[in-house]
Amino acid sequence: MKKLHVTIVDDDSGRSIILERALKDAGYEIVDVLSSKDNLLLHIEQRQPDVIIVDLESPNRDSLESMRIVTQHNPKPIVMFTNDSDHSMIGEAINAGVSAYVVDGFSENRIKPIMDVAIARFREFQALRSELEKTKNTLEERKLIDKAKGIVMVQRNCSENEAYNILRKLSMENNKRIAEVAEQLISITDALSN
């Protein structure tokens, strides 16, 4: 089994040493130890850890914004250990991409199960995100195809089924997806009508 690479974000060097030792004892490899003031996205892009662990007394807006940027540009499972149990802060952390928000700080005996859960939640969320994106794309393609069918129906004075068959035939002849043919047809029609 491959060792998971971990980046630690902690403003307290004494606490980060304890966390680092516990992670190494649990079989993880530490690739970076950062402060919350460091450019997290830059370090993540350079080092490509498997997991980010943030250990802060109380997360602030800047640290959460930094995590949000990472989540948008280079998503990774993020585990946050904190002493802050404020519900609004928990919500903001989850919205920023935190996979596990653990109150009452770090505990050595809980590190492995917490990491496992955070990684599983992250993977599940990424799969849902991917499925949502795929569904959105399918819906957009369906709209293009329907609009193109309408154009063909008017131009050829044919039924919806016949219009679809014409688009499908053009798709096969040009070795393109039907959505691409539909988009081209719509573009040409718009250009000619102006």
Protein backbone atom coordinates (compact mmCIF):
# COMPACT_ATOMS: atom_id res chain seq x y z
CA MET A 1 0.00 0.00 0.00
CA LYS A 2 1.30 3.43 -1.02
CA LYS A 3 2.14 5.84 1.78
CA LEU A 4 -0.15 8.85 1.74
CA HIS A 5 1.64 12.18 1.40
CA VAL A 6 0.46 14.83 3.85
CA THR A 7 0.86 18.60 4.05
CA ILE A 8 0.45 20.07 7.54
CA VAL A 9 -0.76 23.64 8.10
CA ASP A 10 -0.18 24.77 11.68
CA ASP A 11 0.88 28.10 13.18
CA ASP A 12 2.18 26.46 16.37
CA SER A 13 5.54 24.77 15.67
CA GLY A 14 5.43 22.73 18.90
CA ARG A 15 2.00 21.35 18.05
CA SER A 16 2.99 20.65 14.44
CA ILE A 17 5.99 18.58 15.60
CA ILE A 18 3.67 16.37 17.68
CA LEU A 19 1.23 16.07 14.77
CA GLU A 20 4.06 15.27 12.35
CA ARG A 21 5.41 12.51 14.62
CA ALA A 22 1.94 10.99 15.09
CA LEU A 23 1.32 11.00 11.35
CA LYS A 24 4.67 9.35 10.64
CA ASP A 25 3.93 6.72 13.32
CA ALA A 26 0.59 6.06 11.60
CA GLY A 27 2.39 5.44 8.29
CA TYR A 28 1.95 8.78 6.54
CA GLU A 29 4.71 10.71 4.79
CA ILE A 30 4.98 14.44 5.51
CA VAL A 31 5.78 16.50 2.40
CA ASP A 32 5.38 20.00 3.84
CA VAL A 33 4.77 21.83 7.12
CA LEU A 34 3.32 25.29 6.51
CA SER A 35 1.97 28.27 8.40
CA SER A 36 -1.53 29.56 7.66
CA LYS A 37 0.19 32.65 6.27
CA ASP A 38 1.98 30.66 3.53
CA ASN A 39 0.59 30.46 0.00
CA LEU A 40 -1.22 27.15 0.40
CA LEU A 41 -2.25 26.78 -3.26
CA LEU A 42 1.32 27.27 -4.49
CA HIS A 43 2.67 24.65 -2.08
CA ILE A 44 -0.12 22.20 -2.93
CA GLU A 45 0.50 22.59 -6.66
CA GLN A 46 4.26 22.09 -6.20
CA ARG A 47 4.18 19.19 -3.72
CA GLN A 48 0.87 17.48 -4.66
CA PRO A 49 0.07 15.91 -1.27
CA ASP A 50 -2.72 13.36 -0.98
CA VAL A 51 -4.19 15.03 2.13
CA ILE A 52 -3.97 18.42 3.83
CA ILE A 53 -4.15 18.59 7.62
CA VAL A 54 -4.89 21.94 9.20
CA ASP A 55 -4.39 22.28 12.96
CA LEU A 56 -5.50 25.71 14.17
CA GLU A 57 -6.83 26.92 17.51
CA SER A 58 -9.51 28.80 15.64
CA PRO A 59 -9.68 29.10 11.84
CA ASN A 60 -9.96 32.63 10.48
CA ARG A 61 -11.40 34.04 7.26
CA ASP A 62 -7.98 34.10 5.55
CA SER A 63 -7.20 30.46 6.30
CA LEU A 64 -10.68 29.40 5.12
CA GLU A 65 -10.33 31.45 1.94
CA SER A 66 -6.99 29.77 1.30
CA MET A 67 -8.66 26.35 1.61
CA ARG A 68 -11.52 27.46 -0.67
CA ILE A 69 -8.99 28.45 -3.36
CA VAL A 70 -7.23 25.08 -3.08
CA THR A 71 -10.59 23.29 -3.32
CA GLN A 72 -11.46 25.20 -6.49
CA HIS A 73 -8.11 24.80 -8.25
CA ASN A 74 -6.50 21.64 -6.89
CA PRO A 75 -8.99 19.75 -4.70
CA LYS A 76 -7.59 17.56 -1.93
CA PRO A 77 -9.07 16.01 1.21
CA ILE A 78 -8.70 18.55 4.02
CA VAL A 79 -8.81 17.55 7.69
CA MET A 80 -9.11 20.40 10.18
CA PHE A 81 -8.32 20.00 13.87
CA THR A 82 -9.51 22.93 15.93
CA ASN A 83 -10.87 23.99 19.30
CA ASP A 84 -13.56 26.16 17.69
CA SER A 85 -17.03 24.59 17.84
CA ASP A 86 -18.88 27.65 16.52
CA HIS A 87 -21.58 26.35 14.14
CA SER A 88 -21.11 29.17 11.65
CA MET A 89 -17.36 28.47 11.49
CA ILE A 90 -18.03 24.77 10.94
CA GLY A 91 -20.38 25.64 8.07
CA GLU A 92 -17.84 28.01 6.54
CA ALA A 93 -15.11 25.38 6.81
CA ILE A 94 -17.26 22.74 5.09
CA ASN A 95 -18.13 25.27 2.35
CA ALA A 96 -14.40 25.96 1.93
CA GLY A 97 -13.82 22.27 1.18
CA VAL A 98 -12.91 20.82 4.57
CA SER A 99 -13.69 17.09 4.51
CA ALA A 100 -13.44 16.55 8.28
CA TYR A 101 -13.80 19.25 10.95
CA VAL A 102 -12.59 17.82 14.26
CA VAL A 103 -13.33 19.84 17.40
CA ASP A 104 -11.21 19.53 20.57
CA GLY A 105 -8.00 19.43 18.58
CA PHE A 106 -5.72 16.63 17.56
CA SER A 107 -5.64 13.22 19.21
CA GLU A 108 -3.02 10.63 18.21
CA ASN A 109 -5.26 7.58 18.64
CA ARG A 110 -7.96 9.02 16.34
CA ILE A 111 -5.72 10.11 13.45
CA LYS A 112 -6.05 7.01 11.23
CA PRO A 113 -9.86 6.67 11.36
CA ILE A 114 -10.31 10.43 10.90
CA MET A 115 -8.02 10.40 7.85
CA ASP A 116 -9.83 7.38 6.39
CA VAL A 117 -13.23 9.04 6.80
CA ALA A 118 -12.02 12.36 5.39
CA ILE A 119 -10.55 10.68 2.30
CA ALA A 120 -13.70 8.62 1.77
CA ARG A 121 -15.93 11.72 2.12
CA PHE A 122 -13.70 13.65 -0.27
CA ARG A 123 -13.84 10.89 -2.89
CA GLU A 124 -17.61 10.63 -2.54
CA PHE A 125 -17.99 14.40 -2.90
CA GLN A 126 -15.71 14.44 -5.96
CA ALA A 127 -17.76 11.64 -7.54
CA LEU A 128 -20.98 13.57 -6.88
CA ARG A 129 -19.42 16.74 -8.28
CA SER A 130 -18.30 14.86 -11.40
CA GLU A 131 -21.76 13.34 -11.85
CA LEU A 132 -23.39 16.76 -11.47
CA GLU A 133 -21.04 18.25 -14.07
CA LYS A 134 -21.77 15.37 -16.44
CA THR A 135 -25.52 15.87 -15.95
CA LYS A 136 -25.22 19.61 -16.61
CA ASN A 137 -23.26 18.95 -19.79
CA THR A 138 -25.81 16.38 -20.95
CA LEU A 139 -28.62 18.85 -20.33
CA GLU A 140 -26.80 21.60 -22.25
CA GLU A 141 -26.18 19.22 -25.13
CA ARG A 142 -29.84 18.19 -25.12
CA LYS A 143 -30.85 21.86 -25.38
CA LEU A 144 -28.51 22.38 -28.35
CA ILE A 145 -29.82 19.28 -30.11
CA ASP A 146 -33.45 20.32 -29.54
CA LYS A 147 -32.76 23.80 -30.91
CA ALA A 148 -30.96 22.36 -33.95
CA LYS A 149 -33.84 19.93 -34.55
CA GLY A 150 -36.22 22.89 -34.56
CA ILE A 151 -34.10 24.64 -37.21
CA VAL A 152 -33.99 21.50 -39.38
CA MET A 153 -37.75 20.97 -38.97
CA VAL A 154 -38.44 24.50 -40.24
CA GLN A 155 -35.89 24.35 -43.09
CA ARG A 156 -36.81 20.87 -44.29
CA ASN A 157 -40.49 20.91 -43.29
CA CYS A 158 -40.07 17.56 -41.56
CA SER A 159 -40.97 15.81 -38.30
CA GLU A 160 -38.88 15.91 -35.13
CA ASN A 161 -37.76 12.31 -35.67
CA GLU A 162 -36.68 13.06 -39.25
CA ALA A 163 -34.81 16.16 -38.07
CA TYR A 164 -32.96 14.09 -35.48
CA ASN A 165 -32.06 11.48 -38.11
CA ILE A 166 -30.65 14.26 -40.34
CA LEU A 167 -28.51 15.54 -37.46
CA ARG A 168 -27.37 12.00 -36.65
CA LYS A 169 -26.44 11.39 -40.30
CA LEU A 170 -24.43 14.66 -40.41
CA SER A 171 -22.76 13.61 -37.18
CA MET A 172 -21.65 10.26 -38.61
CA GLU A 173 -20.55 11.77 -41.94
CA ASN A 174 -18.40 14.37 -40.19
CA ASN A 175 -17.21 12.03 -37.42
CA LYS A 176 -18.49 14.44 -34.75
CA ARG A 177 -20.86 14.14 -31.81
CA ILE A 178 -24.45 15.17 -32.50
CA ALA A 179 -24.11 18.04 -30.00
CA GLU A 180 -21.14 19.43 -31.96
CA VAL A 181 -23.09 19.26 -35.24
CA ALA A 182 -26.06 20.92 -33.52
CA GLU A 183 -23.86 23.71 -32.16
CA GLN A 184 -22.35 24.32 -35.61
CA LEU A 185 -25.78 24.38 -37.25
CA ILE A 186 -27.05 26.89 -34.67
CA SER A 187 -23.96 29.09 -35.16
CA ILE A 188 -24.34 29.07 -38.95
CA THR A 189 -28.06 29.81 -38.72
CA ASP A 190 -27.43 32.70 -36.30
CA ALA A 191 -24.71 34.12 -38.56
CA LEU A 192 -26.95 33.93 -41.65
CA SER A 193 -29.91 35.54 -39.89
CA ASN A 194 -27.90 38.62 -38.85
